[in-house]
Amino acid sequence: MKHLALTAAALMLCALSLVGCNNENKDQPPITPPGAGTGSMPGGDKMAGGDKMAGAADAVKDKVDAALKADDKLKGAEVTVEHKGGKIVLKGEVADNTAKKQATDVAEKAAKDAGSSDKVQNMLTVKAH
C-alpha cells in the first residue's frame, strides 16, 4: 500500500512539472521545427525540400561531367556520371589506367569546386587493346 502511494505521488509530481513546461513567452514568436511548412519530408522525399537536394545533386553531376569532357587527357573517353546516395559514380570506358586515375582526380576536384563533399566511386573499365 505504501509503495502504491509513493508511485501515485511521483506520478502526480511528474504531471505537475509537465504542466509548467507549457509556459509560453508572449514576446517571442513560436518555434517552428526545421522543414515545417516547406512540404519536405524527412528522408529526402521529392517534395519542396527534396527538389532542392536533387537540384544540388544535379548541379554537382553537371559540373563533374563538364570537367571530364573538358580534360585533354580524357578526350575520347566514354564516361558517364551518376550522382546517387551521396556518391559520384563514374561509369564507362577509358584508354588506360592513367586515364582512369585522371578521371577520378578531375571528378574529385570538380565536385569540391561545386561545394560537394561527396566521394567519387570510379567504376570505369580500361579498354582492351
Protein backbone atom coordinates (compact mmCIF):
# COMPACT_ATOMS: atom_id res chain seq x y z
CA MET A 1 0.00 0.00 0.00
CA LYS A 2 2.86 2.34 0.89
CA HIS A 3 4.51 1.60 -2.48
CA LEU A 4 1.29 2.44 -4.33
CA ALA A 5 1.02 5.78 -2.51
CA LEU A 6 4.64 6.68 -3.37
CA THR A 7 4.10 5.78 -7.03
CA ALA A 8 0.93 7.88 -7.17
CA ALA A 9 2.75 10.81 -5.57
CA ALA A 10 5.64 10.51 -8.05
CA LEU A 11 3.22 10.45 -10.98
CA MET A 12 1.42 13.50 -9.63
CA LEU A 13 4.72 15.41 -9.34
CA CYS A 14 5.63 14.47 -12.92
CA ALA A 15 2.25 15.63 -14.18
CA LEU A 16 2.53 18.94 -12.34
CA SER A 17 6.04 19.56 -13.66
CA LEU A 18 4.86 18.94 -17.23
CA VAL A 19 2.04 21.45 -16.82
CA GLY A 20 4.66 24.08 -16.00
CA CYS A 21 6.54 23.29 -19.22
CA ASN A 22 3.81 24.85 -21.33
CA ASN A 23 4.53 28.43 -20.28
CA GLU A 24 4.57 30.50 -23.44
CA ASN A 25 6.71 33.59 -23.80
CA LYS A 26 4.35 36.07 -25.47
CA ASP A 27 7.27 38.29 -26.59
CA GLN A 28 8.84 35.64 -28.84
CA PRO A 29 7.43 34.00 -31.96
CA PRO A 30 6.62 30.29 -31.76
CA ILE A 31 9.41 27.87 -32.60
CA THR A 32 8.90 26.14 -35.93
CA PRO A 33 10.61 22.77 -36.44
CA PRO A 34 13.06 22.53 -39.37
CA GLY A 35 11.29 21.68 -42.61
CA ALA A 36 7.85 22.62 -41.29
CA GLY A 37 5.73 24.31 -43.90
CA THR A 38 8.16 23.54 -46.73
CA GLY A 39 6.47 20.37 -47.87
CA SER A 40 9.69 18.43 -47.32
CA MET A 41 9.65 15.11 -45.60
CA PRO A 42 12.46 13.51 -43.60
CA GLY A 43 14.47 11.12 -45.73
CA GLY A 44 14.62 13.33 -48.82
CA ASP A 45 11.18 12.80 -50.29
CA LYS A 46 10.94 14.68 -53.56
CA MET A 47 8.75 17.49 -52.37
CA ALA A 48 9.95 21.06 -51.94
CA GLY A 49 12.99 20.19 -49.80
CA GLY A 50 13.79 17.06 -51.81
CA ASP A 51 13.72 19.02 -55.06
CA LYS A 52 16.36 21.38 -53.70
CA MET A 53 18.60 18.47 -52.78
CA ALA A 54 18.03 16.85 -56.17
CA GLY A 55 18.83 20.17 -57.84
CA ALA A 56 22.09 20.45 -55.91
CA ALA A 57 23.00 16.87 -56.82
CA ASP A 58 22.25 17.59 -60.48
CA ALA A 59 24.42 20.71 -60.36
CA VAL A 60 27.35 18.71 -58.95
CA LYS A 61 26.81 15.97 -61.55
CA ASP A 62 26.76 18.55 -64.34
CA LYS A 63 29.98 20.22 -63.10
CA VAL A 64 31.78 16.88 -62.88
CA ASP A 65 30.53 15.83 -66.32
CA ALA A 66 31.65 19.12 -67.88
CA ALA A 67 35.08 18.91 -66.24
CA LEU A 68 35.62 15.37 -67.52
CA LYS A 69 34.64 16.35 -71.06
CA ALA A 70 36.93 19.40 -70.97
CA ASP A 71 40.00 17.47 -69.80
CA ASP A 72 42.55 16.93 -72.62
CA LYS A 73 43.80 13.63 -71.17
CA LEU A 74 40.28 12.20 -71.26
CA LYS A 75 39.40 13.06 -74.89
CA GLY A 76 37.62 10.15 -76.48
CA ALA A 77 36.78 8.53 -73.16
CA GLU A 78 33.25 7.23 -72.74
CA VAL A 79 32.46 8.38 -69.20
CA THR A 80 29.03 8.82 -67.70
CA VAL A 81 28.43 10.46 -64.35
CA GLU A 82 25.74 9.46 -61.87
CA HIS A 83 25.06 11.09 -58.52
CA LYS A 84 23.29 8.87 -56.04
CA GLY A 85 23.39 8.10 -52.37
CA GLY A 86 25.94 10.80 -51.61
CA LYS A 87 28.37 9.39 -54.18
CA ILE A 88 29.52 10.50 -57.60
CA VAL A 89 29.78 7.35 -59.70
CA LEU A 90 31.90 7.24 -62.86
CA LYS A 91 30.99 4.55 -65.38
CA GLY A 92 32.21 3.79 -68.85
CA GLU A 93 35.47 3.05 -70.59
CA VAL A 94 38.86 4.78 -70.78
CA ALA A 95 42.04 4.09 -72.74
CA ASP A 96 44.34 3.12 -69.86
CA ASN A 97 44.90 3.17 -66.10
CA THR A 98 46.40 6.66 -66.28
CA ALA A 99 43.16 7.97 -67.79
CA LYS A 100 41.17 6.12 -65.14
CA LYS A 101 43.16 7.81 -62.37
CA GLN A 102 42.87 11.18 -64.15
CA ALA A 103 39.08 10.81 -64.30
CA THR A 104 38.94 10.29 -60.52
CA ASP A 105 41.18 13.31 -59.89
CA VAL A 106 39.18 15.57 -62.22
CA ALA A 107 35.84 14.41 -60.75
CA GLU A 108 37.01 14.96 -57.15
CA LYS A 109 38.27 18.48 -57.95
CA ALA A 110 35.09 19.42 -59.84
CA ALA A 111 32.88 18.13 -57.03
CA LYS A 112 34.89 20.06 -54.45
CA ASP A 113 34.74 23.21 -56.59
CA ALA A 114 30.95 22.75 -56.75
CA GLY A 115 30.82 22.72 -52.94
CA SER A 116 30.22 18.99 -52.61
CA SER A 117 31.92 16.67 -50.16
CA ASP A 118 30.60 13.58 -51.94
CA LYS A 119 33.04 10.76 -52.59
CA VAL A 120 33.88 9.65 -56.12
CA GLN A 121 33.41 5.99 -56.95
CA ASN A 122 35.34 5.05 -60.08
CA MET A 123 33.74 2.12 -61.86
CA LEU A 124 35.47 2.82 -65.18
CA THR A 125 36.93 -0.05 -67.17
CA VAL A 126 40.09 0.07 -69.26
CA LYS A 127 39.70 -0.71 -72.96
CA ALA A 128 41.27 -3.96 -74.10
CA HIS A 129 43.98 -3.32 -76.70
